[in-house]
C-alpha atoms as a PDB file:
ATOM      1  CA  UNK A   1      82.309 112.740 113.762  1.00  0.00           C
ATOM      2  CA  UNK A   2      83.036 113.691 117.442  1.00  0.00           C
ATOM      3  CA  UNK A   3      86.753 113.172 116.695  1.00  0.00           C
ATOM      4  CA  UNK A   4      86.671 115.496 113.736  1.00  0.00           C
ATOM      5  CA  UNK A   5      84.636 118.091 115.733  1.00  0.00           C
ATOM      6  CA  UNK A   6      87.226 117.885 118.520  1.00  0.00           C
ATOM      7  CA  UNK A   7      90.144 118.457 116.115  1.00  0.00           C
ATOM      8  CA  UNK A   8      88.360 121.465 114.565  1.00  0.00           C
ATOM      9  CA  UNK A   9      87.838 122.909 118.058  1.00  0.00           C
ATOM     10  CA  UNK A  10      91.469 122.376 118.905  1.00  0.00           C
ATOM     11  CA  UNK A  11      92.524 124.193 115.602  1.00  0.00           C
ATOM     12  CA  UNK A  12      90.157 127.063 116.439  1.00  0.00           C
ATOM     13  CA  UNK A  13      91.674 127.324 119.976  1.00  0.00           C
ATOM     14  CA  UNK A  14      95.073 127.499 118.454  1.00  0.00           C
ATOM     15  CA  UNK A  15      94.144 130.224 116.071  1.00  0.00           C
ATOM     16  CA  UNK A  16      92.566 132.087 119.027  1.00  0.00           C
ATOM     17  CA  UNK A  17      95.742 131.865 121.071  1.00  0.00           C
ATOM     18  CA  UNK A  18      97.788 133.148 117.993  1.00  0.00           C
ATOM     19  CA  UNK A  19      95.269 136.116 117.539  1.00  0.00           C
ATOM     20  CA  UNK A  20      95.616 136.903 121.220  1.00  0.00           C
ATOM     21  CA  UNK A  21      99.338 136.939 120.894  1.00  0.00           C
ATOM     22  CA  UNK A  22      99.152 139.380 117.956  1.00  0.00           C
ATOM     23  CA  UNK A  23      96.878 141.552 119.995  1.00  0.00           C
ATOM     24  CA  UNK A  24      99.375 141.635 122.854  1.00  0.00           C
ATOM     25  CA  UNK A  25     102.093 142.529 120.374  1.00  0.00           C
ATOM     26  CA  UNK A  26     100.052 145.308 118.720  1.00  0.00           C
ATOM     27  CA  UNK A  27      99.025 146.815 122.021  1.00  0.00           C
ATOM     28  CA  UNK A  28     102.621 147.015 123.230  1.00  0.00           C
ATOM     29  CA  UNK A  29     103.380 149.947 120.895  1.00  0.00           C
ATOM     30  CA  UNK A  30     100.786 152.330 122.343  1.00  0.00           C
ATOM     31  CA  UNK A  31     101.528 151.102 125.923  1.00  0.00           C
ATOM     32  CA  UNK A  32     105.260 151.476 125.588  1.00  0.00           C
ATOM     33  CA  UNK A  33     104.653 154.998 124.161  1.00  0.00           C
ATOM     34  CA  UNK A  34     102.830 156.068 127.334  1.00  0.00           C
ATOM     35  CA  UNK A  35     105.720 154.741 129.522  1.00  0.00           C
ATOM     36  CA  UNK A  36     108.380 156.531 127.499  1.00  0.00           C
ATOM     37  CA  UNK A  37     106.512 159.677 128.201  1.00  0.00           C
ATOM     38  CA  UNK A  38     107.131 159.389 131.989  1.00  0.00           C
ATOM     39  CA  UNK A  39     110.605 157.608 132.143  1.00  0.00           C
ATOM     40  CA  UNK A  40     113.633 157.653 129.905  1.00  0.00           C
ATOM     41  CA  UNK A  41     113.427 155.149 127.018  1.00  0.00           C
ATOM     42  CA  UNK A  42     116.321 153.109 128.377  1.00  0.00           C
ATOM     43  CA  UNK A  43     114.633 152.743 131.732  1.00  0.00           C
ATOM     44  CA  UNK A  44     111.355 151.834 130.036  1.00  0.00           C
ATOM     45  CA  UNK A  45     112.993 149.036 128.065  1.00  0.00           C
ATOM     46  CA  UNK A  46     114.722 147.761 131.288  1.00  0.00           C
ATOM     47  CA  UNK A  47     111.571 147.741 133.250  1.00  0.00           C
ATOM     48  CA  UNK A  48     109.616 145.819 130.612  1.00  0.00           C
ATOM     49  CA  UNK A  49     112.121 143.193 129.753  1.00  0.00           C
ATOM     50  CA  UNK A  50     113.527 142.986 133.322  1.00  0.00           C
ATOM     51  CA  UNK A  51     110.035 141.958 134.502  1.00  0.00           C
ATOM     52  CA  UNK A  52     109.377 139.793 131.476  1.00  0.00           C
ATOM     53  CA  UNK A  53     112.720 138.012 132.166  1.00  0.00           C
ATOM     54  CA  UNK A  54     111.683 137.212 135.800  1.00  0.00           C
ATOM     55  CA  UNK A  55     108.325 135.822 134.618  1.00  0.00           C
ATOM     56  CA  UNK A  56     109.948 133.590 131.922  1.00  0.00           C
ATOM     57  CA  UNK A  57     112.445 132.266 134.398  1.00  0.00           C
ATOM     58  CA  UNK A  58     109.535 131.368 136.715  1.00  0.00           C
ATOM     59  CA  UNK A  59     107.707 129.623 133.814  1.00  0.00           C
ATOM     60  CA  UNK A  60     110.856 127.658 132.907  1.00  0.00           C
ATOM     61  CA  UNK A  61     111.198 126.545 136.518  1.00  0.00           C
ATOM     62  CA  UNK A  62     107.603 125.571 136.469  1.00  0.00           C
ATOM     63  CA  UNK A  63     107.466 123.692 133.141  1.00  0.00           C
ATOM     64  CA  UNK A  64     111.143 122.779 132.785  1.00  0.00           C
ATOM     65  CA  UNK A  65     111.156 123.729 129.094  1.00  0.00           C
ATOM     66  CA  UNK A  66     109.156 120.742 128.150  1.00  0.00           C
ATOM     67  CA  UNK A  67     109.964 117.176 129.327  1.00  0.00           C
ATOM     68  CA  UNK A  68     110.171 115.762 125.755  1.00  0.00           C
ATOM     69  CA  UNK A  69     112.398 118.507 124.447  1.00  0.00           C
ATOM     70  CA  UNK A  70     116.107 118.605 124.583  1.00  0.00           C
ATOM     71  CA  UNK A  71     117.463 119.964 127.857  1.00  0.00           C
ATOM     72  CA  UNK A  72     119.619 123.032 127.482  1.00  0.00           C
ATOM     73  CA  UNK A  73     122.402 122.006 129.889  1.00  0.00           C
ATOM     74  CA  UNK A  74     125.526 122.910 127.865  1.00  0.00           C
ATOM     75  CA  UNK A  75     127.230 126.247 128.694  1.00  0.00           C
ATOM     76  CA  UNK A  76     127.937 126.584 125.005  1.00  0.00           C
ATOM     77  CA  UNK A  77     124.236 126.456 124.309  1.00  0.00           C
ATOM     78  CA  UNK A  78     123.517 128.896 127.040  1.00  0.00           C
ATOM     79  CA  UNK A  79     125.957 131.263 125.481  1.00  0.00           C
ATOM     80  CA  UNK A  80     124.559 130.837 122.052  1.00  0.00           C
ATOM     81  CA  UNK A  81     121.025 131.587 123.211  1.00  0.00           C
ATOM     82  CA  UNK A  82     122.249 134.580 125.129  1.00  0.00           C
ATOM     83  CA  UNK A  83     124.177 135.936 122.228  1.00  0.00           C
ATOM     84  CA  UNK A  84     121.136 135.750 120.036  1.00  0.00           C
ATOM     85  CA  UNK A  85     119.052 137.436 122.716  1.00  0.00           C
ATOM     86  CA  UNK A  86     121.458 140.408 122.717  1.00  0.00           C
ATOM     87  CA  UNK A  87     120.443 141.039 119.170  1.00  0.00           C
ATOM     88  CA  UNK A  88     116.662 140.178 119.363  1.00  0.00           C
ATOM     89  CA  UNK A  89     116.061 141.626 122.846  1.00  0.00           C
ATOM     90  CA  UNK A  90     118.775 144.222 123.655  1.00  0.00           C
ATOM     91  CA  UNK A  91     119.486 145.757 120.182  1.00  0.00           C
ATOM     92  CA  UNK A  92     115.879 145.494 118.911  1.00  0.00           C
ATOM     93  CA  UNK A  93     114.290 147.042 122.061  1.00  0.00           C
ATOM     94  CA  UNK A  94     116.994 149.753 122.355  1.00  0.00           C
ATOM     95  CA  UNK A  95     115.799 150.965 118.963  1.00  0.00           C
ATOM     96  CA  UNK A  96     112.138 150.141 119.669  1.00  0.00           C
ATOM     97  CA  UNK A  97     111.915 152.370 122.778  1.00  0.00           C
ATOM     98  CA  UNK A  98     114.206 154.967 121.407  1.00  0.00           C
ATOM     99  CA  UNK A  99     112.019 155.276 118.281  1.00  0.00           C
ATOM    100  CA  UNK A 100     108.943 155.616 120.527  1.00  0.00           C
ATOM    101  CA  UNK A 101     110.496 158.557 122.282  1.00  0.00           C
ATOM    102  CA  UNK A 102     110.742 160.431 119.076  1.00  0.00           C
ATOM    103  CA  UNK A 103     107.849 159.253 116.801  1.00  0.00           C
ATOM    104  CA  UNK A 104     104.232 158.168 117.282  1.00  0.00           C
ATOM    105  CA  UNK A 105     103.568 154.567 118.267  1.00  0.00           C
ATOM    106  CA  UNK A 106     101.400 154.234 115.138  1.00  0.00           C
ATOM    107  CA  UNK A 107     104.395 154.586 112.888  1.00  0.00           C
ATOM    108  CA  UNK A 108     106.298 151.839 114.797  1.00  0.00           C
ATOM    109  CA  UNK A 109     103.304 149.393 114.679  1.00  0.00           C
ATOM    110  CA  UNK A 110     103.535 149.633 110.940  1.00  0.00           C
ATOM    111  CA  UNK A 111     107.351 149.859 110.255  1.00  0.00           C
ATOM    112  CA  UNK A 112     108.552 147.185 112.550  1.00  0.00           C
ATOM    113  CA  UNK A 113     106.277 144.128 111.983  1.00  0.00           C
ATOM    114  CA  UNK A 114     105.882 144.844 108.266  1.00  0.00           C
ATOM    115  CA  UNK A 115     109.459 145.648 107.253  1.00  0.00           C
ATOM    116  CA  UNK A 116     111.076 142.989 109.447  1.00  0.00           C
ATOM    117  CA  UNK A 117     110.038 140.073 107.254  1.00  0.00           C
ATOM    118  CA  UNK A 118     110.829 142.127 104.172  1.00  0.00           C
ATOM    119  CA  UNK A 119     114.409 142.694 105.373  1.00  0.00           C
ATOM    120  CA  UNK A 120     114.750 139.097 106.471  1.00  0.00           C
ATOM    121  CA  UNK A 121     113.637 137.768 103.147  1.00  0.00           C
ATOM    122  CA  UNK A 122     115.884 140.153 101.232  1.00  0.00           C
ATOM    123  CA  UNK A 123     118.832 139.173 103.368  1.00  0.00           C
ATOM    124  CA  UNK A 124     118.223 135.464 102.893  1.00  0.00           C
ATOM    125  CA  UNK A 125     117.946 135.869  99.104  1.00  0.00           C
ATOM    126  CA  UNK A 126     121.179 137.981  99.004  1.00  0.00           C
ATOM    127  CA  UNK A 127     123.083 135.331 100.981  1.00  0.00           C
ATOM    128  CA  UNK A 128     121.771 132.671  98.743  1.00  0.00           C
ATOM    129  CA  UNK A 129     119.831 130.825 101.474  1.00  0.00           C
ATOM    130  CA  UNK A 130     116.460 131.288  99.644  1.00  0.00           C
ATOM    131  CA  UNK A 131     115.421 131.299  96.143  1.00  0.00           C
ATOM    132  CA  UNK A 132     114.653 134.594  94.482  1.00  0.00           C
ATOM    133  CA  UNK A 133     111.386 133.896  92.955  1.00  0.00           C
ATOM    134  CA  UNK A 134     109.595 136.526  90.771  1.00  0.00           C
ATOM    135  CA  UNK A 135     106.831 136.807  93.383  1.00  0.00           C
ATOM    136  CA  UNK A 136     109.307 137.410  96.154  1.00  0.00           C
ATOM    137  CA  UNK A 137     111.221 140.007  94.143  1.00  0.00           C
ATOM    138  CA  UNK A 138     108.024 141.778  93.299  1.00  0.00           C
ATOM    139  CA  UNK A 139     107.023 141.675  97.046  1.00  0.00           C
ATOM    140  CA  UNK A 140     110.344 143.109  98.116  1.00  0.00           C
ATOM    141  CA  UNK A 141     110.090 145.902  95.540  1.00  0.00           C
ATOM    142  CA  UNK A 142     106.664 146.786  96.718  1.00  0.00           C
ATOM    143  CA  UNK A 143     107.907 146.856 100.300  1.00  0.00           C
ATOM    144  CA  UNK A 144     110.696 149.280  99.354  1.00  0.00           C
ATOM    145  CA  UNK A 145     108.252 151.523  97.502  1.00  0.00           C
ATOM    146  CA  UNK A 146     105.735 151.460 100.313  1.00  0.00           C
ATOM    147  CA  UNK A 147     108.399 152.287 102.897  1.00  0.00           C
ATOM    148  CA  UNK A 148     109.655 155.173 100.867  1.00  0.00           C
ATOM    149  CA  UNK A 149     106.087 156.582 100.489  1.00  0.00           C
ATOM    150  CA  UNK A 150     105.548 156.115 104.291  1.00  0.00           C
ATOM    151  CA  UNK A 151     108.685 158.050 105.042  1.00  0.00           C
ATOM    152  CA  UNK A 152     107.985 160.784 102.667  1.00  0.00           C
ATOM    153  CA  UNK A 153     104.539 161.061 104.042  1.00  0.00           C
ATOM    154  CA  UNK A 154     106.074 162.048 107.446  1.00  0.00           C
ATOM    155  CA  UNK A 155     106.879 165.543 105.870  1.00  0.00           C
ATOM    156  CA  UNK A 156     103.141 166.245 105.702  1.00  0.00           C
ATOM    157  CA  UNK A 157     102.737 166.131 109.505  1.00  0.00           C
ATOM    158  CA  UNK A 158     103.833 169.686 110.124  1.00  0.00           C
ATOM    159  CA  UNK A 159     107.207 171.405 110.299  1.00  0.00           C
ATOM    160  CA  UNK A 160     107.507 171.143 114.074  1.00  0.00           C
ATOM    161  CA  UNK A 161     107.014 167.461 114.388  1.00  0.00           C
ATOM    162  CA  UNK A 162     108.287 165.978 111.060  1.00  0.00           C
ATOM    163  CA  UNK A 163     111.863 166.294 111.930  1.00  0.00           C
ATOM    164  CA  UNK A 164     111.577 164.347 115.234  1.00  0.00           C
ATOM    165  CA  UNK A 165     109.055 161.911 113.682  1.00  0.00           C
ATOM    166  CA  UNK A 166     111.258 161.075 110.729  1.00  0.00           C
ATOM    167  CA  UNK A 167     114.239 160.419 112.952  1.00  0.00           C
ATOM    168  CA  UNK A 168     112.068 158.109 115.023  1.00  0.00           C
ATOM    169  CA  UNK A 169     110.838 156.285 111.975  1.00  0.00           C
ATOM    170  CA  UNK A 170     114.450 155.649 110.834  1.00  0.00           C
ATOM    171  CA  UNK A 171     115.213 154.363 114.288  1.00  0.00           C
ATOM    172  CA  UNK A 172     112.250 152.101 114.025  1.00  0.00           C
ATOM    173  CA  UNK A 173     113.801 150.938 110.730  1.00  0.00           C
ATOM    174  CA  UNK A 174     116.974 150.133 112.603  1.00  0.00           C
ATOM    175  CA  UNK A 175     114.794 148.097 114.963  1.00  0.00           C
ATOM    176  CA  UNK A 176     113.299 146.216 112.163  1.00  0.00           C
ATOM    177  CA  UNK A 177     116.745 145.416 110.780  1.00  0.00           C
ATOM    178  CA  UNK A 178     117.860 144.187 114.220  1.00  0.00           C
ATOM    179  CA  UNK A 179     114.919 141.876 114.292  1.00  0.00           C
ATOM    180  CA  UNK A 180     115.710 140.600 110.786  1.00  0.00           C
ATOM    181  CA  UNK A 181     119.332 139.813 111.923  1.00  0.00           C
ATOM    182  CA  UNK A 182     117.833 138.032 114.989  1.00  0.00           C
ATOM    183  CA  UNK A 183     115.378 135.939 112.832  1.00  0.00           C
ATOM    184  CA  UNK A 184     118.315 134.900 110.623  1.00  0.00           C
ATOM    185  CA  UNK A 185     120.564 134.196 113.478  1.00  0.00           C
ATOM    186  CA  UNK A 186     118.005 132.111 115.447  1.00  0.00           C
ATOM    187  CA  UNK A 187     117.430 129.872 112.505  1.00  0.00           C
ATOM    188  CA  UNK A 188     121.044 128.811 112.525  1.00  0.00           C
ATOM    189  CA  UNK A 189     122.206 129.179 116.159  1.00  0.00           C
ATOM    190  CA  UNK A 190     119.109 127.924 118.070  1.00  0.00           C
ATOM    191  CA  UNK A 191     118.563 124.762 116.116  1.00  0.00           C
ATOM    192  CA  UNK A 192     117.688 121.965 118.371  1.00  0.00           C
ATOM    193  CA  UNK A 193     117.144 124.050 121.385  1.00  0.00           C
ATOM    194  CA  UNK A 194     113.820 123.964 123.334  1.00  0.00           C
ATOM    195  CA  UNK A 195     111.918 127.202 122.408  1.00  0.00           C
ATOM    196  CA  UNK A 196     111.028 128.209 126.038  1.00  0.00           C
ATOM    197  CA  UNK A 197     114.521 127.593 127.231  1.00  0.00           C
ATOM    198  CA  UNK A 198     116.107 129.463 124.385  1.00  0.00           C
ATOM    199  CA  UNK A 199     113.689 132.389 124.602  1.00  0.00           C
ATOM    200  CA  UNK A 200     114.120 132.633 128.307  1.00  0.00           C
ATOM    201  CA  UNK A 201     117.974 132.628 128.243  1.00  0.00           C
ATOM    202  CA  UNK A 202     117.936 135.173 125.353  1.00  0.00           C
ATOM    203  CA  UNK A 203     115.524 137.349 127.180  1.00  0.00           C
ATOM    204  CA  UNK A 204     117.604 137.228 130.362  1.00  0.00           C
ATOM    205  CA  UNK A 205     120.734 138.141 128.445  1.00  0.00           C
ATOM    206  CA  UNK A 206     119.091 140.945 126.600  1.00  0.00           C
ATOM    207  CA  UNK A 207     117.280 142.218 129.755  1.00  0.00           C
ATOM    208  CA  UNK A 208     120.653 142.439 131.584  1.00  0.00           C
ATOM    209  CA  UNK A 209     122.075 144.544 128.764  1.00  0.00           C
ATOM    210  CA  UNK A 210     119.137 146.878 128.888  1.00  0.00           C
ATOM    211  CA  UNK A 211     119.409 147.178 132.643  1.00  0.00           C
ATOM    212  CA  UNK A 212     123.061 148.057 132.403  1.00  0.00           C
ATOM    213  CA  UNK A 213     122.268 150.631 129.713  1.00  0.00           C
ATOM    214  CA  UNK A 214     119.608 152.252 131.767  1.00  0.00           C
ATOM    215  CA  UNK A 215     121.971 152.868 134.836  1.00  0.00           C
ATOM    216  CA  UNK A 216     123.138 156.300 133.723  1.00  0.00           C
ATOM    217  CA  UNK A 217     119.494 157.323 133.187  1.00  0.00           C
ATOM    218  CA  UNK A 218     118.234 156.153 136.600  1.00  0.00           C
ATOM    219  CA  UNK A 219     119.016 159.464 138.336  1.00  0.00           C
ATOM    220  CA  UNK A 220     117.023 161.297 135.698  1.00  0.00           C
ATOM    221  CA  UNK A 221     113.798 159.182 136.452  1.00  0.00           C
ATOM    222  CA  UNK A 222     111.431 160.944 138.714  1.00  0.00           C
ATOM    223  CA  UNK A 223     110.103 157.694 140.524  1.00  0.00           C
ATOM    224  CA  UNK A 224     107.807 159.633 142.974  1.00  0.00           C
ATOM    225  CA  UNK A 225     105.991 161.212 139.974  1.00  0.00           C
ATOM    226  CA  UNK A 226     104.940 157.871 138.353  1.00  0.00           C
ATOM    227  CA  UNK A 227     101.299 157.308 138.805  1.00  0.00           C
ATOM    228  CA  UNK A 228      99.503 154.073 139.519  1.00  0.00           C
ATOM    229  CA  UNK A 229      98.276 153.768 136.005  1.00  0.00           C
ATOM    230  CA  UNK A 230     101.870 154.048 134.653  1.00  0.00           C
ATOM    231  CA  UNK A 231     102.954 151.196 136.924  1.00  0.00           C
ATOM    232  CA  UNK A 232      99.990 149.113 135.670  1.00  0.00           C
ATOM    233  CA  UNK A 233     100.970 149.695 132.169  1.00  0.00           C
ATOM    234  CA  UNK A 234     104.546 148.514 132.914  1.00  0.00           C
ATOM    235  CA  UNK A 235     103.360 145.471 134.667  1.00  0.00           C
ATOM    236  CA  UNK A 236     100.971 144.718 131.673  1.00  0.00           C
ATOM    237  CA  UNK A 237     103.886 145.064 129.353  1.00  0.00           C
ATOM    238  CA  UNK A 238     105.995 142.552 131.320  1.00  0.00           C
ATOM    239  CA  UNK A 239     103.133 140.041 131.778  1.00  0.00           C
ATOM    240  CA  UNK A 240     101.176 140.439 128.580  1.00  0.00           C
ATOM    241  CA  UNK A 241     103.282 141.294 125.442  1.00  0.00           C
ATOM    242  CA  UNK A 242     106.406 139.822 126.803  1.00  0.00           C
ATOM    243  CA  UNK A 243     105.626 136.709 128.844  1.00  0.00           C
ATOM    244  CA  UNK A 244     101.930 135.622 128.235  1.00  0.00           C
ATOM    245  CA  UNK A 245     102.149 136.307 124.525  1.00  0.00           C
ATOM    246  CA  UNK A 246     105.097 133.767 124.385  1.00  0.00           C
ATOM    247  CA  UNK A 247     102.946 131.179 126.146  1.00  0.00           C
ATOM    248  CA  UNK A 248     100.017 131.732 123.914  1.00  0.00           C
ATOM    249  CA  UNK A 249     102.290 131.655 120.732  1.00  0.00           C
ATOM    250  CA  UNK A 250     103.853 128.380 121.931  1.00  0.00           C
ATOM    251  CA  UNK A 251     100.394 126.825 122.472  1.00  0.00           C
ATOM    252  CA  UNK A 252      99.208 127.867 119.069  1.00  0.00           C
ATOM    253  CA  UNK A 253     102.216 126.452 117.288  1.00  0.00           C
ATOM    254  CA  UNK A 254     101.520 123.018 118.743  1.00  0.00           C
ATOM    255  CA  UNK A 255      98.682 122.849 116.246  1.00  0.00           C
ATOM    256  CA  UNK A 256      98.970 125.269 113.327  1.00  0.00           C
ATOM    257  CA  UNK A 257     101.818 125.317 110.836  1.00  0.00           C
ATOM    258  CA  UNK A 258     104.647 127.954 111.116  1.00  0.00           C
ATOM    259  CA  UNK A 259     103.601 129.533 107.845  1.00  0.00           C
ATOM    260  CA  UNK A 260     100.079 130.200 109.346  1.00  0.00           C
ATOM    261  CA  UNK A 261     101.647 131.816 112.298  1.00  0.00           C
ATOM    262  CA  UNK A 262     103.873 134.042 110.204  1.00  0.00           C
ATOM    263  CA  UNK A 263     100.723 135.202 108.087  1.00  0.00           C
ATOM    264  CA  UNK A 264      98.894 136.061 111.342  1.00  0.00           C
ATOM    265  CA  UNK A 265     101.880 138.336 112.326  1.00  0.00           C
ATOM    266  CA  UNK A 266     100.426 140.758 109.748  1.00  0.00           C
ATOM    267  CA  UNK A 267      97.499 141.427 112.000  1.00  0.00           C
ATOM    268  CA  UNK A 268      99.881 143.225 114.411  1.00  0.00           C
ATOM    269  CA  UNK A 269      99.637 146.507 112.601  1.00  0.00           C
ATOM    270  CA  UNK A 270      95.851 146.305 112.774  1.00  0.00           C
ATOM    271  CA  UNK A 271      95.965 146.026 116.648  1.00  0.00           C
ATOM    272  CA  UNK A 272      98.708 148.455 116.891  1.00  0.00           C
ATOM    273  CA  UNK A 273      97.173 151.178 114.839  1.00  0.00           C
ATOM    274  CA  UNK A 274      93.733 150.651 116.425  1.00  0.00           C
ATOM    275  CA  UNK A 275      95.327 151.191 120.019  1.00  0.00           C
ATOM    276  CA  UNK A 276      97.187 154.203 118.935  1.00  0.00           C
ATOM    277  CA  UNK A 277      94.226 155.879 117.300  1.00  0.00           C
ATOM    278  CA  UNK A 278      91.786 155.082 120.222  1.00  0.00           C
ATOM    279  CA  UNK A 279      93.957 155.622 123.241  1.00  0.00           C
ATOM    280  CA  UNK A 280      96.643 158.160 122.066  1.00  0.00           C
ATOM    281  CA  UNK A 281      94.670 159.950 119.268  1.00  0.00           C
ATOM    282  CA  UNK A 282      97.428 159.448 116.753  1.00  0.00           C
ATOM    283  CA  UNK A 283      96.904 159.584 113.057  1.00  0.00           C
ATOM    284  CA  UNK A 284      98.418 158.889 109.716  1.00  0.00           C
ATOM    285  CA  UNK A 285      98.870 161.242 106.799  1.00  0.00           C
ATOM    286  CA  UNK A 286      97.251 160.204 103.492  1.00  0.00           C
ATOM    287  CA  UNK A 287     100.472 159.305 101.827  1.00  0.00           C
ATOM    288  CA  UNK A 288     101.548 157.270 104.851  1.00  0.00           C
ATOM    289  CA  UNK A 289      98.393 155.279 104.767  1.00  0.00           C
ATOM    290  CA  UNK A 290      98.962 154.444 101.062  1.00  0.00           C
ATOM    291  CA  UNK A 291     102.602 153.537 101.964  1.00  0.00           C
ATOM    292  CA  UNK A 292     101.536 151.232 104.757  1.00  0.00           C
ATOM    293  CA  UNK A 293      99.039 149.390 102.575  1.00  0.00           C
ATOM    294  CA  UNK A 294     101.651 148.890  99.872  1.00  0.00           C
ATOM    295  CA  UNK A 295     104.263 147.700 102.409  1.00  0.00           C
ATOM    296  CA  UNK A 296     101.839 145.136 103.897  1.00  0.00           C
ATOM    297  CA  UNK A 297     100.954 143.818 100.453  1.00  0.00           C
ATOM    298  CA  UNK A 298     104.615 143.624  99.393  1.00  0.00           C
ATOM    299  CA  UNK A 299     105.579 141.914 102.781  1.00  0.00           C
ATOM    300  CA  UNK A 300     102.752 139.325 102.385  1.00  0.00           C
ATOM    301  CA  UNK A 301     103.896 138.613  98.746  1.00  0.00           C
ATOM    302  CA  UNK A 302     107.556 138.288  99.800  1.00  0.00           C
ATOM    303  CA  UNK A 303     106.787 135.945 102.743  1.00  0.00           C
ATOM    304  CA  UNK A 304     104.172 133.781 101.089  1.00  0.00           C
ATOM    305  CA  UNK A 305     105.438 133.950  97.387  1.00  0.00           C
ATOM    306  CA  UNK A 306     101.820 134.465  96.515  1.00  0.00           C
ATOM    307  CA  UNK A 307     100.731 131.049  97.642  1.00  0.00           C
ATOM    308  CA  UNK A 308      98.068 130.694 100.281  1.00  0.00           C
ATOM    309  CA  UNK A 309      97.482 127.118 101.541  1.00  0.00           C
ATOM    310  CA  UNK A 310      93.871 126.066 101.930  1.00  0.00           C
ATOM    311  CA  UNK A 311      93.245 124.141 105.202  1.00  0.00           C
ATOM    312  CA  UNK A 312      90.961 121.543 103.647  1.00  0.00           C
ATOM    313  CA  UNK A 313      92.444 118.827 105.856  1.00  0.00           C
ATOM    314  CA  UNK A 314      90.621 118.658 109.220  1.00  0.00           C
ATOM    315  CA  UNK A 315      93.387 116.691 110.910  1.00  0.00           C
ATOM    316  CA  UNK A 316      95.519 118.420 113.436  1.00  0.00           C
ATOM    317  CA  UNK A 317      99.220 118.759 112.373  1.00  0.00           C
ATOM    318  CA  UNK A 318     101.849 117.245 114.515  1.00  0.00           C
ATOM    319  CA  UNK A 319     103.275 119.523 117.187  1.00  0.00           C
ATOM    320  CA  UNK A 320     105.792 121.962 115.717  1.00  0.00           C
ATOM    321  CA  UNK A 321     109.255 121.478 116.986  1.00  0.00           C
ATOM    322  CA  UNK A 322     111.245 123.974 114.946  1.00  0.00           C
ATOM    323  CA  UNK A 323     112.693 126.451 117.308  1.00  0.00           C
ATOM    324  CA  UNK A 324     113.037 129.204 114.625  1.00  0.00           C
ATOM    325  CA  UNK A 325     109.398 129.875 115.044  1.00  0.00           C
ATOM    326  CA  UNK A 326     110.172 131.552 118.402  1.00  0.00           C
ATOM    327  CA  UNK A 327     111.687 134.304 116.355  1.00  0.00           C
ATOM    328  CA  UNK A 328     108.389 136.012 116.057  1.00  0.00           C
ATOM    329  CA  UNK A 329     108.291 136.430 119.831  1.00  0.00           C
ATOM    330  CA  UNK A 330     109.045 139.697 121.646  1.00  0.00           C
ATOM    331  CA  UNK A 331     108.516 141.514 118.330  1.00  0.00           C
ATOM    332  CA  UNK A 332     106.807 144.394 119.981  1.00  0.00           C
END
C-alpha cells in the first residue's frame, strides 16, 4: 500500500507540474501585451527570449542535458536544432508579439494554443503521415467553423478597433501556423536529441534572430521611461513562461504520457483568458465566445480522435524519452 500511495503522489506531482506549466503559458499573453505597450514588439520579443536563452544555457551547463541522454556533440545536430528553433522561436514569436501590438491578448490566448494543434493535425493528414479518421475530420471541420465565427465576431467590437484587431488576429493565425510547422519539423529533425539540449540550442538560435531583428527598433525604445513594474514583467517572462515552464514540463513528462500533456495544453486558454480579463480588462464579443468554444471542442476531437484514456493503472509510466514532446514548450 505505501508503494501505491507513493506512485499516486508522484503522479499527482507530475500533473501539478504540467498545470503550473500551462498557467505560465497562459499568463504570458497578458504579460507580453503589457510589455509591447511600452517597447516595440521586436524589442519585447528579443528581451524575453534573450533572457530565456541565457537561463536555459545556465540550466544546460548545470544539468548537462541529462547524463543518461544522448550527448549533443555533433555540429550537424546543433545546426538541426538551431534551424528548428528559427521556426519555433524566431518566426513564431515574431508573429506572437506583432499580433499582441495590434490585438488584445485574450484573442491570442485562444487562437494560438487552440488552432496550432488543429493546423498540425490537418497538415499531417494532408501529408499522409497520420490517418484521416471520421472523428479527426469532424474535429478539423469544427475548428475551421469555430475560427471563422471567432474572426467574424471581431467586427462586433466597434469600427475603430475592429480593423486593427482583425489584422492582429490574422497575425496570431500566422503564429499558430508557424508553431504547427515547428511541431512537425521537431518530430522529424530532433529525433534522438536530448530535450533540454535541443530546446536550449533552438532557443538560442531563435533569440539571436529576434535580437538581430530588434536592432533597427532599439533607437525608438525609450529605455528611461520603462518603469520598475515593466522590467519585473520582462524578467518574469524570461524566467517563468520561457525557462521555468520548460523545467516543469520536463519533470511532468517523466511520469505522465505525452497524450495527457497534450490534453492539458487546452487549459492554456483558460489561464490566458482569466489573466486578460482580470488584469487588462479585456473581453470577448458573444460570437467570439461561441467560436472559441467550438474551436476548443474541434481541437480536442482532432487531437484525441474522441478517445480519452482512463488512468485506472496506478503504476507510474516509464520516463518519456520522445523529444517531440518538447514541441509544446515556448508556445506562449
